[in-house]
N, C-alpha and C. Protein backbone atom coordinates (compact mmCIF):
# COMPACT_ATOMS: atom_id res chain seq x y z
N MET A 1 0.87 -0.96 0.07
CA MET A 1 -0.12 0.14 0.00
C MET A 1 1.05 1.29 0.22
N LYS A 2 0.47 2.49 -0.70
CA LYS A 2 1.17 3.47 -0.67
C LYS A 2 0.02 4.74 -0.64
N VAL A 3 0.94 5.59 0.21
CA VAL A 3 0.15 7.16 0.07
C VAL A 3 0.58 8.01 -0.54
N LEU A 4 0.26 8.85 -0.91
CA LEU A 4 0.73 10.28 -1.80
C LEU A 4 0.42 11.43 -1.14
N LEU A 5 1.54 12.09 -0.74
CA LEU A 5 1.01 13.03 0.17
C LEU A 5 1.63 14.55 -0.74
N ILE A 6 0.59 15.58 -0.87
CA ILE A 6 0.95 16.65 -1.56
C ILE A 6 1.39 17.68 -1.11
N ASN A 7 2.59 18.39 -1.26
CA ASN A 7 3.01 19.74 -0.40
C ASN A 7 2.71 20.58 -1.44
N GLY A 8 1.65 21.58 -0.92
CA GLY A 8 1.14 22.75 -1.80
C GLY A 8 1.52 23.81 -1.16
N SER A 9 2.76 24.04 -0.35
CA SER A 9 3.52 25.02 0.02
C SER A 9 4.57 25.52 -1.00
N PRO A 10 4.77 26.79 -0.96
CA PRO A 10 5.97 27.50 -2.19
C PRO A 10 7.08 26.81 -1.74
N ASN A 11 7.30 26.53 -0.61
CA ASN A 11 8.43 26.51 0.26
C ASN A 11 8.66 24.40 0.46
N ALA A 12 9.57 23.83 -0.50
CA ALA A 12 9.80 22.66 -0.18
C ALA A 12 9.91 22.08 0.94
N ALA A 13 10.63 22.55 1.91
CA ALA A 13 10.97 21.96 3.33
C ALA A 13 10.30 22.97 4.47
N GLY A 14 9.24 23.74 4.24
CA GLY A 14 8.68 24.67 5.41
C GLY A 14 7.83 23.99 6.29
N CYS A 15 6.96 24.59 6.87
CA CYS A 15 6.19 24.44 7.75
C CYS A 15 5.25 23.11 7.52
N THR A 16 4.54 23.28 6.36
CA THR A 16 3.52 22.30 5.58
C THR A 16 4.75 21.03 5.69
N TYR A 17 5.36 20.83 5.22
CA TYR A 17 6.29 19.54 4.84
C TYR A 17 6.42 18.92 6.22
N THR A 18 7.12 19.89 7.06
CA THR A 18 7.00 19.39 8.56
C THR A 18 5.95 18.67 9.06
N ALA A 19 4.86 18.98 8.78
CA ALA A 19 3.58 18.41 9.11
C ALA A 19 3.39 17.19 8.42
N LEU A 20 3.48 17.18 6.93
CA LEU A 20 3.39 15.89 6.23
C LEU A 20 4.24 14.88 6.30
N SER A 21 5.62 15.34 6.95
CA SER A 21 6.53 14.37 7.51
C SER A 21 6.05 13.59 8.35
N GLU A 22 5.60 14.24 9.30
CA GLU A 22 5.13 13.57 10.63
C GLU A 22 3.91 12.47 10.32
N VAL A 23 3.33 12.86 9.54
CA VAL A 23 2.00 11.89 9.12
C VAL A 23 2.87 10.77 8.26
N ALA A 24 3.65 11.16 7.32
CA ALA A 24 4.55 10.08 6.91
C ALA A 24 5.10 9.11 7.59
N LYS A 25 5.77 9.69 8.32
CA LYS A 25 6.52 8.88 9.48
C LYS A 25 5.79 7.89 10.20
N GLU A 26 4.26 8.25 10.28
CA GLU A 26 3.72 7.13 11.31
C GLU A 26 3.00 6.29 10.05
N LEU A 27 2.84 6.55 8.90
CA LEU A 27 2.41 5.43 8.08
C LEU A 27 3.70 4.80 7.64
N GLU A 28 4.82 5.05 7.33
CA GLU A 28 6.01 4.14 7.11
C GLU A 28 6.23 3.14 8.21
N ASN A 29 5.89 3.75 9.63
CA ASN A 29 6.04 2.87 10.82
C ASN A 29 5.00 1.50 11.01
N GLU A 30 3.76 1.67 10.03
CA GLU A 30 2.97 1.05 9.81
C GLU A 30 3.01 -0.23 8.41
N SER A 31 4.38 0.28 8.07
CA SER A 31 4.65 -0.74 6.76
C SER A 31 4.03 -0.15 5.64
N ILE A 32 3.16 1.43 5.82
CA ILE A 32 2.94 1.65 4.46
C ILE A 32 3.94 2.48 3.61
N LYS A 33 4.07 2.40 2.35
CA LYS A 33 5.12 3.33 1.55
C LYS A 33 4.35 4.68 1.32
N THR A 34 5.29 5.73 1.47
CA THR A 34 4.73 7.03 1.21
C THR A 34 5.69 7.71 0.17
N GLU A 35 4.93 9.05 -0.23
CA GLU A 35 5.78 9.65 -0.99
C GLU A 35 5.29 11.47 -1.19
N ILE A 36 6.39 12.00 -0.68
CA ILE A 36 5.81 13.24 -0.41
C ILE A 36 6.33 14.14 -1.73
N PHE A 37 5.00 14.72 -2.54
CA PHE A 37 5.26 15.41 -3.75
C PHE A 37 5.17 16.86 -3.73
N HIS A 38 6.14 17.67 -3.92
CA HIS A 38 6.11 19.14 -3.88
C HIS A 38 5.68 19.80 -4.93
N VAL A 39 4.18 20.65 -5.22
CA VAL A 39 3.81 20.79 -6.19
C VAL A 39 4.74 22.27 -6.87
N GLY A 40 5.58 22.80 -6.05
CA GLY A 40 6.86 23.80 -6.71
C GLY A 40 6.25 24.98 -6.47
N ASN A 41 7.00 26.17 -6.85
CA ASN A 41 6.91 27.36 -6.75
C ASN A 41 6.59 28.30 -7.81
N LYS A 42 6.50 27.83 -8.95
CA LYS A 42 6.31 28.43 -10.33
C LYS A 42 4.56 28.39 -10.38
N PRO A 43 4.10 29.27 -11.30
CA PRO A 43 2.91 29.29 -11.40
C PRO A 43 2.11 28.27 -12.10
N ILE A 44 1.08 27.93 -11.74
CA ILE A 44 0.36 26.66 -12.18
C ILE A 44 -0.94 27.37 -12.55
N ARG A 45 -1.26 26.74 -13.58
CA ARG A 45 -2.36 27.05 -14.52
C ARG A 45 -3.80 26.76 -14.03
N SER A 46 -4.78 27.59 -13.56
CA SER A 46 -6.22 27.04 -13.31
C SER A 46 -6.92 26.16 -14.36
N CYS A 47 -7.83 25.39 -13.83
CA CYS A 47 -9.04 24.78 -14.78
C CYS A 47 -9.42 26.17 -15.92
N THR A 48 -9.58 25.68 -17.11
CA THR A 48 -10.22 26.75 -17.60
C THR A 48 -11.37 26.12 -18.30
N ALA A 49 -11.82 24.98 -17.69
CA ALA A 49 -13.47 24.46 -17.93
C ALA A 49 -13.61 24.17 -19.60
N CYS A 50 -12.58 23.73 -20.17
CA CYS A 50 -12.33 23.46 -21.65
C CYS A 50 -12.96 22.17 -21.78
N ARG A 51 -13.10 21.40 -20.79
CA ARG A 51 -13.81 19.72 -21.16
C ARG A 51 -13.23 19.03 -22.09
N ALA A 52 -11.66 19.16 -22.20
CA ALA A 52 -10.75 18.40 -23.17
C ALA A 52 -10.23 17.44 -22.32
N CYS A 53 -10.39 17.16 -21.33
CA CYS A 53 -9.86 16.34 -20.31
C CYS A 53 -10.42 14.90 -20.48
N THR A 54 -11.35 14.63 -21.12
CA THR A 54 -12.12 13.27 -21.15
C THR A 54 -11.23 11.82 -21.33
N SER A 55 -10.14 11.91 -21.85
CA SER A 55 -9.18 11.30 -21.58
C SER A 55 -8.43 10.67 -20.57
N GLY A 56 -8.66 11.68 -19.35
CA GLY A 56 -8.21 11.40 -18.16
C GLY A 56 -6.86 12.03 -17.90
N LYS A 57 -6.41 13.04 -18.88
CA LYS A 57 -5.51 13.82 -18.67
C LYS A 57 -5.80 15.28 -19.10
N CYS A 58 -5.16 16.34 -18.44
CA CYS A 58 -5.16 17.70 -18.52
C CYS A 58 -4.59 17.91 -19.80
N VAL A 59 -5.03 18.62 -20.51
CA VAL A 59 -4.61 19.64 -22.15
C VAL A 59 -3.49 20.22 -21.61
N PHE A 60 -3.20 20.98 -20.54
CA PHE A 60 -2.09 21.54 -20.14
C PHE A 60 -0.74 20.89 -19.56
N LYS A 61 0.38 20.80 -20.42
CA LYS A 61 1.18 19.68 -20.31
C LYS A 61 2.69 20.29 -19.69
N ASP A 62 2.50 21.79 -19.30
CA ASP A 62 3.70 22.32 -18.72
C ASP A 62 3.94 22.44 -17.22
N ASP A 63 3.05 21.59 -16.61
CA ASP A 63 3.37 21.62 -15.13
C ASP A 63 3.32 20.02 -14.73
N ASP A 64 3.17 19.91 -13.48
CA ASP A 64 3.15 18.28 -13.15
C ASP A 64 1.66 17.63 -13.03
N VAL A 65 0.80 18.31 -13.35
CA VAL A 65 -0.50 17.83 -13.04
C VAL A 65 -0.51 16.25 -13.46
N ASN A 66 -0.43 16.37 -15.03
CA ASN A 66 -0.61 14.72 -15.69
C ASN A 66 0.48 13.67 -14.85
N MET A 67 1.39 14.27 -14.76
CA MET A 67 2.49 13.43 -13.60
C MET A 67 1.78 12.91 -12.42
N VAL A 68 1.38 13.37 -11.69
CA VAL A 68 0.53 13.32 -10.40
C VAL A 68 -0.49 12.68 -10.75
N ILE A 69 -1.45 12.67 -11.86
CA ILE A 69 -2.71 11.80 -12.07
C ILE A 69 -1.94 10.39 -12.46
N ASP A 70 -1.00 9.99 -12.63
CA ASP A 70 -0.17 8.98 -12.97
C ASP A 70 0.06 8.20 -11.61
N LYS A 71 0.77 9.01 -10.81
CA LYS A 71 0.79 8.83 -9.74
C LYS A 71 -0.51 8.48 -8.46
N ALA A 72 -1.51 9.17 -8.77
CA ALA A 72 -2.53 8.68 -8.55
C ALA A 72 -3.51 7.46 -8.35
N LYS A 73 -2.96 7.02 -9.71
CA LYS A 73 -3.60 5.80 -10.30
C LYS A 73 -3.02 4.66 -9.39
N GLU A 74 -1.69 4.90 -8.98
CA GLU A 74 -1.19 3.49 -8.49
C GLU A 74 -1.10 3.96 -6.60
N ALA A 75 -1.49 5.17 -6.35
CA ALA A 75 -1.81 5.47 -4.74
C ALA A 75 -3.05 4.80 -4.36
N ASP A 76 -3.11 4.45 -2.92
CA ASP A 76 -4.28 3.97 -2.32
C ASP A 76 -4.87 5.28 -1.37
N ALA A 77 -4.16 5.67 -1.06
CA ALA A 77 -4.79 7.10 -0.17
C ALA A 77 -3.90 8.26 -0.49
N PHE A 78 -4.63 9.09 -0.01
CA PHE A 78 -3.92 10.78 -0.03
C PHE A 78 -3.78 11.85 1.15
N VAL A 79 -2.78 12.64 0.87
CA VAL A 79 -2.75 13.57 2.11
C VAL A 79 -2.48 14.82 1.37
N PHE A 80 -3.34 15.87 1.39
CA PHE A 80 -3.12 17.06 1.01
C PHE A 80 -2.73 18.21 1.74
N GLY A 81 -1.46 18.73 1.55
CA GLY A 81 -1.31 19.97 2.66
C GLY A 81 -1.02 21.39 1.95
N SER A 82 -1.30 22.13 2.87
CA SER A 82 -1.28 23.31 2.46
C SER A 82 -0.94 24.36 3.64
N PRO A 83 -0.37 25.58 3.35
CA PRO A 83 -0.14 26.45 4.13
C PRO A 83 -1.37 27.50 4.00
N VAL A 84 -1.78 28.41 4.91
CA VAL A 84 -2.78 29.52 4.96
C VAL A 84 -2.17 30.49 4.44
N HIS A 85 -3.27 31.10 3.26
CA HIS A 85 -2.70 32.45 2.43
C HIS A 85 -4.12 33.00 2.61
N PHE A 86 -4.20 34.07 3.32
CA PHE A 86 -5.49 34.96 3.46
C PHE A 86 -6.66 34.25 3.62
N ALA A 87 -6.79 33.25 4.93
CA ALA A 87 -7.47 32.24 5.08
C ALA A 87 -8.05 31.27 4.16
N GLY A 88 -7.47 30.86 3.36
CA GLY A 88 -7.53 29.86 2.39
C GLY A 88 -6.17 29.30 2.05
N ALA A 89 -6.54 27.96 1.03
CA ALA A 89 -5.37 27.36 0.61
C ALA A 89 -4.52 27.88 -0.43
N SER A 90 -3.06 27.63 -0.25
CA SER A 90 -2.19 28.26 -1.50
C SER A 90 -3.02 28.45 -3.01
N GLY A 91 -2.37 29.41 -3.66
CA GLY A 91 -2.88 29.50 -5.11
C GLY A 91 -2.34 27.97 -5.84
N GLN A 92 -1.25 27.76 -5.52
CA GLN A 92 -0.53 26.64 -6.23
C GLN A 92 -1.36 25.29 -5.92
N ILE A 93 -1.61 24.89 -4.60
CA ILE A 93 -2.67 23.81 -4.39
C ILE A 93 -3.85 23.84 -5.16
N SER A 94 -4.70 24.97 -5.05
CA SER A 94 -5.85 25.11 -5.31
C SER A 94 -6.20 24.95 -6.81
N SER A 95 -5.54 25.54 -7.88
CA SER A 95 -5.29 25.49 -8.95
C SER A 95 -4.81 23.93 -9.47
N PHE A 96 -3.64 23.35 -8.75
CA PHE A 96 -3.51 22.04 -8.98
C PHE A 96 -4.16 21.21 -8.78
N LEU A 97 -5.03 20.91 -7.33
CA LEU A 97 -6.03 20.24 -7.26
C LEU A 97 -7.32 20.33 -7.97
N SER A 98 -7.87 21.59 -8.63
CA SER A 98 -8.68 21.72 -9.39
C SER A 98 -8.55 20.83 -10.60
N ARG A 99 -7.57 21.26 -11.21
CA ARG A 99 -7.17 20.22 -12.65
C ARG A 99 -7.16 18.93 -12.29
N LEU A 100 -6.33 18.46 -11.20
CA LEU A 100 -5.94 16.85 -10.99
C LEU A 100 -7.63 16.20 -10.89
N PHE A 101 -8.02 16.80 -10.06
CA PHE A 101 -9.47 15.88 -9.63
C PHE A 101 -10.29 16.13 -11.24
N PHE A 102 -10.55 17.16 -11.45
CA PHE A 102 -11.30 17.25 -12.80
C PHE A 102 -10.95 16.25 -13.99
N ALA A 103 -9.47 16.30 -14.28
CA ALA A 103 -9.03 15.53 -15.13
C ALA A 103 -8.83 13.94 -14.85
N GLY A 104 -8.61 13.98 -13.32
CA GLY A 104 -8.32 12.56 -13.07
C GLY A 104 -9.48 11.53 -12.98
N ARG A 105 -10.74 12.17 -12.40
CA ARG A 105 -11.92 11.50 -12.02
C ARG A 105 -12.10 10.72 -12.95
N THR A 106 -11.93 10.72 -14.34
CA THR A 106 -12.29 9.96 -15.47
C THR A 106 -11.72 8.67 -15.37
N GLY A 107 -10.33 8.64 -14.89
CA GLY A 107 -9.61 7.36 -14.80
C GLY A 107 -9.62 6.80 -13.26
N GLY A 108 -10.61 6.68 -12.65
CA GLY A 108 -10.72 6.54 -11.15
C GLY A 108 -9.73 6.71 -10.37
N CYS A 109 -9.11 7.79 -10.26
CA CYS A 109 -7.94 7.72 -9.37
C CYS A 109 -8.15 7.97 -8.06
N PHE A 110 -9.58 8.60 -7.77
CA PHE A 110 -9.86 8.83 -6.29
C PHE A 110 -10.76 8.26 -5.64
N GLU A 111 -11.71 7.64 -6.36
CA GLU A 111 -12.87 7.06 -5.99
C GLU A 111 -12.58 5.94 -5.16
N ASN A 112 -13.31 5.92 -3.76
CA ASN A 112 -13.07 5.02 -2.83
C ASN A 112 -11.82 4.74 -1.91
N LYS A 113 -10.99 5.95 -2.56
CA LYS A 113 -9.69 5.89 -1.91
C LYS A 113 -9.60 7.14 -0.43
N PRO A 114 -9.34 6.62 0.76
CA PRO A 114 -9.39 7.51 1.80
C PRO A 114 -8.32 8.92 1.67
N GLY A 115 -8.90 10.12 1.96
CA GLY A 115 -8.19 11.22 1.76
C GLY A 115 -8.23 12.26 3.00
N ALA A 116 -7.04 12.77 3.19
CA ALA A 116 -7.08 13.70 4.65
C ALA A 116 -6.21 14.88 3.89
N ALA A 117 -6.72 15.88 4.84
CA ALA A 117 -6.29 17.37 4.44
C ALA A 117 -5.23 17.78 5.97
N ILE A 118 -4.08 18.38 5.81
CA ILE A 118 -3.40 18.99 6.69
C ILE A 118 -3.39 20.46 6.34
N VAL A 119 -3.41 21.23 7.15
CA VAL A 119 -3.18 22.94 6.91
C VAL A 119 -2.02 23.54 8.17
N SER A 120 -1.14 24.17 7.63
CA SER A 120 -0.36 24.95 8.51
C SER A 120 -0.43 26.63 8.14
N CYS A 121 -0.26 26.69 9.76
CA CYS A 121 -0.79 28.45 9.72
C CYS A 121 0.23 29.09 10.88
N ARG A 122 0.36 30.12 10.81
CA ARG A 122 0.84 31.00 11.47
C ARG A 122 -0.02 31.17 12.87
N ARG A 123 -1.14 31.93 12.67
CA ARG A 123 -1.91 32.09 13.79
C ARG A 123 -3.32 31.89 13.25
N GLY A 124 -4.29 31.99 12.26
CA GLY A 124 -5.52 31.99 11.92
C GLY A 124 -5.67 31.50 10.72
N GLY A 125 -7.16 31.09 10.28
CA GLY A 125 -7.54 30.82 8.96
C GLY A 125 -7.41 29.30 8.65
N ALA A 126 -7.05 28.67 9.69
CA ALA A 126 -6.70 26.94 9.33
C ALA A 126 -8.03 26.17 9.23
N THR A 127 -9.16 26.54 9.90
CA THR A 127 -10.54 25.91 9.90
C THR A 127 -11.05 26.05 8.44
N ALA A 128 -10.78 27.25 8.04
CA ALA A 128 -11.53 27.55 6.81
C ALA A 128 -10.74 26.98 5.63
N THR A 129 -9.19 26.89 5.45
CA THR A 129 -8.36 26.21 4.49
C THR A 129 -8.76 24.54 4.59
N PHE A 130 -9.15 24.14 5.68
CA PHE A 130 -9.34 22.84 6.39
C PHE A 130 -10.39 22.45 5.41
N ASP A 131 -11.41 22.89 5.44
CA ASP A 131 -12.88 22.73 5.26
C ASP A 131 -12.59 22.99 3.30
N GLN A 132 -11.91 23.85 2.96
CA GLN A 132 -12.02 24.08 1.59
C GLN A 132 -11.22 22.87 1.03
N LEU A 133 -10.16 22.47 1.52
CA LEU A 133 -9.41 20.96 1.40
C LEU A 133 -10.33 19.90 1.12
N ASN A 134 -11.19 19.77 2.05
CA ASN A 134 -11.87 18.60 2.56
C ASN A 134 -12.95 18.46 1.35
N LYS A 135 -13.28 19.49 0.58
CA LYS A 135 -14.57 19.42 -0.03
C LYS A 135 -14.16 18.49 -1.43
N TYR A 136 -12.73 18.47 -1.76
CA TYR A 136 -12.47 17.60 -3.00
C TYR A 136 -12.65 16.25 -2.46
N PHE A 137 -12.29 15.80 -1.43
CA PHE A 137 -12.71 14.23 -1.16
C PHE A 137 -14.37 14.30 -0.97
N SER A 138 -15.10 15.21 -0.47
CA SER A 138 -16.44 14.60 0.15
C SER A 138 -17.44 14.77 -1.56
N ILE A 139 -16.66 15.27 -2.64
CA ILE A 139 -17.08 15.43 -3.96
C ILE A 139 -16.81 14.11 -4.77
N SER A 140 -15.70 13.43 -4.34
CA SER A 140 -15.25 12.48 -5.13
C SER A 140 -15.56 10.98 -4.62
N ASN A 141 -16.46 11.01 -3.78
CA ASN A 141 -16.67 9.22 -3.09
C ASN A 141 -15.35 8.91 -2.24
N MET A 142 -14.66 9.80 -1.71
CA MET A 142 -13.76 9.51 -0.75
C MET A 142 -13.61 9.53 0.66
N PRO A 143 -13.62 8.19 1.53
CA PRO A 143 -13.54 8.36 2.61
C PRO A 143 -12.71 9.41 3.17
N ILE A 144 -13.11 10.07 4.04
CA ILE A 144 -12.33 11.35 4.83
C ILE A 144 -11.75 10.53 6.02
N VAL A 145 -10.05 10.75 6.21
CA VAL A 145 -9.58 10.26 7.53
C VAL A 145 -9.59 11.27 8.53
N PRO A 146 -10.00 11.12 9.71
CA PRO A 146 -10.15 12.23 10.83
C PRO A 146 -8.72 11.82 11.66
N SER A 147 -8.62 12.68 12.75
CA SER A 147 -7.51 12.64 13.82
C SER A 147 -8.31 12.98 15.03
N GLN A 148 -7.62 13.26 16.10
CA GLN A 148 -8.16 13.82 17.32
C GLN A 148 -8.69 14.95 17.50
N TYR A 149 -7.92 15.91 16.42
CA TYR A 149 -8.53 17.62 16.55
C TYR A 149 -8.08 17.79 14.87
N TRP A 150 -8.95 18.79 14.65
CA TRP A 150 -8.89 19.56 13.27
C TRP A 150 -7.22 19.25 12.91
N ASN A 151 -6.90 19.13 11.50
CA ASN A 151 -5.37 18.49 11.18
C ASN A 151 -4.80 19.77 10.86
N MET A 152 -4.27 20.61 11.96
CA MET A 152 -3.45 21.69 11.65
C MET A 152 -2.36 21.80 12.61
N VAL A 153 -1.44 22.67 12.08
CA VAL A 153 -0.23 22.78 12.83
C VAL A 153 0.18 24.46 12.90
N HIS A 154 0.67 24.77 13.83
CA HIS A 154 0.91 26.36 14.10
C HIS A 154 2.53 26.72 14.12
N GLY A 155 2.80 27.64 13.35
CA GLY A 155 4.19 28.10 13.69
C GLY A 155 4.56 28.67 12.46
N ASN A 156 5.45 29.68 12.61
CA ASN A 156 6.01 30.41 11.60
C ASN A 156 7.29 29.80 10.87
N THR A 157 7.92 28.70 11.58
CA THR A 157 9.11 28.10 11.05
C THR A 157 9.17 26.94 11.27
N PRO A 158 9.72 25.70 10.66
CA PRO A 158 9.43 24.25 10.67
C PRO A 158 9.94 24.17 12.39
N GLU A 159 10.74 24.66 12.97
CA GLU A 159 11.15 24.47 14.25
C GLU A 159 10.10 25.20 15.15
N GLU A 160 9.19 26.16 15.00
CA GLU A 160 7.89 26.43 15.59
C GLU A 160 7.18 25.47 15.65
N VAL A 161 6.77 24.62 14.39
CA VAL A 161 5.99 23.84 14.34
C VAL A 161 6.23 22.49 14.93
N GLN A 162 7.29 22.34 15.08
CA GLN A 162 7.74 21.13 15.96
C GLN A 162 7.56 21.62 17.40
N GLN A 163 7.33 22.83 17.90
CA GLN A 163 7.14 22.92 19.19
C GLN A 163 5.65 23.12 19.59
N ASP A 164 4.96 22.93 18.59
CA ASP A 164 3.37 22.57 18.46
C ASP A 164 3.02 21.30 18.98
N LEU A 165 3.12 20.75 20.20
CA LEU A 165 3.13 19.56 20.63
C LEU A 165 1.73 18.69 20.06
N GLU A 166 0.79 19.42 20.52
CA GLU A 166 -0.44 19.07 20.04
C GLU A 166 -0.86 19.13 18.60
N GLY A 167 -0.26 19.94 17.68
CA GLY A 167 -0.60 20.04 16.27
C GLY A 167 0.29 18.45 15.77
N MET A 168 1.82 18.33 16.44
CA MET A 168 2.29 17.30 15.87
C MET A 168 1.68 15.78 16.36
N GLN A 169 1.22 15.85 17.52
CA GLN A 169 0.50 14.75 17.68
C GLN A 169 -0.66 14.06 17.01
N THR A 170 -1.36 15.46 16.68
CA THR A 170 -2.65 15.45 15.76
C THR A 170 -2.06 14.55 14.56
N MET A 171 -0.91 15.39 13.85
CA MET A 171 -0.51 14.59 12.66
C MET A 171 -0.10 12.91 12.69
N ARG A 172 0.34 12.68 14.09
CA ARG A 172 0.74 11.38 14.24
C ARG A 172 -0.27 10.48 14.22
N VAL A 173 -1.31 10.67 14.99
CA VAL A 173 -2.91 10.19 15.39
C VAL A 173 -3.40 9.86 13.55
N LEU A 174 -3.13 11.04 12.86
CA LEU A 174 -3.92 11.10 11.87
C LEU A 174 -3.03 9.88 11.02
N GLY A 175 -1.58 10.05 10.99
CA GLY A 175 -1.04 8.79 10.32
C GLY A 175 -1.54 7.37 10.71
N ARG A 176 -1.83 7.22 11.97
CA ARG A 176 -1.97 5.74 12.25
C ARG A 176 -3.56 5.57 11.82
N ASN A 177 -4.58 6.78 11.78
CA ASN A 177 -5.98 6.01 11.65
C ASN A 177 -5.87 6.14 10.08
N MET A 178 -5.23 6.72 9.30
CA MET A 178 -5.31 6.45 7.81
C MET A 178 -4.64 5.02 7.80
N ALA A 179 -3.73 4.56 8.63
CA ALA A 179 -3.04 3.13 8.20
C ALA A 179 -4.08 1.96 8.76
N TRP A 180 -4.80 2.59 9.86
CA TRP A 180 -6.08 1.56 9.96
C TRP A 180 -7.09 1.48 8.93
N LEU A 181 -7.53 2.63 8.45
CA LEU A 181 -8.51 2.62 7.56
C LEU A 181 -7.89 1.66 6.33
N LEU A 182 -6.93 1.98 6.01
CA LEU A 182 -6.19 1.45 4.73
C LEU A 182 -6.19 0.09 4.94
N LYS A 183 -5.85 -0.73 6.15
CA LYS A 183 -5.58 -2.13 6.52
C LYS A 183 -7.39 -2.83 6.62
N SER A 184 -7.81 -1.91 6.93
CA SER A 184 -9.33 -2.20 7.17
C SER A 184 -9.83 -2.56 5.85
N ILE A 185 -9.88 -1.79 4.98
CA ILE A 185 -10.37 -2.07 3.41
C ILE A 185 -9.45 -3.12 2.83
N GLN A 186 -8.43 -3.47 3.02
CA GLN A 186 -7.45 -4.42 2.28
C GLN A 186 -8.33 -5.62 3.11
N ALA A 187 -8.28 -5.83 4.56
CA ALA A 187 -8.87 -6.80 4.71
C ALA A 187 -10.35 -7.12 4.15
N GLY A 188 -11.15 -6.09 4.17
CA GLY A 188 -12.42 -6.21 3.48
C GLY A 188 -12.64 -6.84 1.95
N LYS A 189 -11.56 -6.34 1.47
CA LYS A 189 -11.32 -7.01 0.19
C LYS A 189 -11.31 -8.62 0.05
N CYS A 190 -10.07 -8.64 0.98
CA CYS A 190 -9.71 -10.18 0.99
C CYS A 190 -10.65 -11.22 1.21
N ALA A 191 -11.90 -10.37 2.37
CA ALA A 191 -12.94 -11.25 2.69
C ALA A 191 -14.01 -11.07 1.78
N GLY A 192 -13.85 -10.45 0.39
CA GLY A 192 -14.80 -10.59 -0.28
C GLY A 192 -16.03 -9.24 -0.27
N ILE A 193 -15.77 -8.70 0.38
CA ILE A 193 -16.48 -7.15 0.35
C ILE A 193 -16.60 -6.48 -0.66
N SER A 194 -17.32 -6.10 -1.43
CA SER A 194 -17.31 -5.32 -2.87
C SER A 194 -17.57 -4.04 -2.58
N LEU A 195 -17.16 -3.01 -3.58
CA LEU A 195 -17.35 -1.76 -3.29
C LEU A 195 -18.85 -1.00 -3.45
N PRO A 196 -19.19 -0.13 -2.89
CA PRO A 196 -20.34 0.37 -2.91
C PRO A 196 -21.01 0.38 -4.59
N LYS A 197 -22.40 0.06 -4.79
CA LYS A 197 -23.00 -0.12 -6.10
C LYS A 197 -22.89 1.21 -6.63
N LYS A 198 -22.56 1.38 -7.72
CA LYS A 198 -22.55 3.08 -8.32
C LYS A 198 -23.80 2.96 -9.55
N GLU A 199 -24.37 3.86 -9.24
CA GLU A 199 -25.27 4.45 -10.14
C GLU A 199 -24.64 5.59 -11.43
N PRO A 200 -25.44 5.45 -12.49
CA PRO A 200 -25.11 6.41 -13.68
C PRO A 200 -25.17 7.89 -12.73
N ARG A 201 -24.49 8.72 -13.25
CA ARG A 201 -24.20 10.16 -12.61
C ARG A 201 -25.47 11.01 -13.07
N VAL A 202 -26.42 11.52 -12.37
CA VAL A 202 -27.33 12.24 -12.69
C VAL A 202 -26.83 13.94 -12.30
N ALA A 203 -27.11 14.61 -13.07
CA ALA A 203 -26.49 15.90 -12.99
C ALA A 203 -27.85 16.87 -13.31
N THR A 204 -28.53 17.58 -12.56
CA THR A 204 -29.49 18.50 -12.59
C THR A 204 -29.26 20.08 -12.72
N ASN A 205 -29.39 20.65 -13.74
CA ASN A 205 -29.36 22.11 -13.54
C ASN A 205 -30.61 22.64 -13.54
N PHE A 206 -30.19 23.85 -12.24
CA PHE A 206 -31.25 24.50 -11.40
C PHE A 206 -32.04 25.71 -12.34
N ILE A 207 -31.36 25.99 -13.26
CA ILE A 207 -31.82 26.87 -14.30
C ILE A 207 -32.19 26.19 -15.59
N ARG A 208 -33.75 26.33 -15.75
CA ARG A 208 -34.01 25.57 -17.38
C ARG A 208 -34.20 26.66 -18.45
């Protein structure tokens, strides 16, 4: 089993990475492979709603979205991490995830795979950002993995984040909870429990 962790911070080894690494460490302790992927600090195109991604790939090929779609197909679960920018997720991860989910949903990249969000902030705006990231899971038939508190850490540097003992403990509990859920899903498959029955999607427009 493998968990793909996405670092949506412009800083490759900053506060968000520190929190993601704590989650990854617990997953590795549970014999689950991990990969932390940094979306980078270069501009990322937002989705233009061209709807040309029916093949399961985004038409824009000048960033890493399509590469991560391939990684998502092989992953069993996901953790998305972002710093707080004006009480919301970073521009990088917002644009990245919107295209990743819109193009990747046709290839079955995310459905029935657990997901979790983690947020890093100096002081405020964490819960709004946390809610924003969780919406990608709840619209994609993904079980959302909880912890003992909202998945957030506080600090202005990685060293300060490490001093947030409650936040770091929340990350460790999240890692163990994700490992437990992944193993439970695997045990269910071995026991012959099938995935939920799917229905053809119905889209209702409110203005006729």
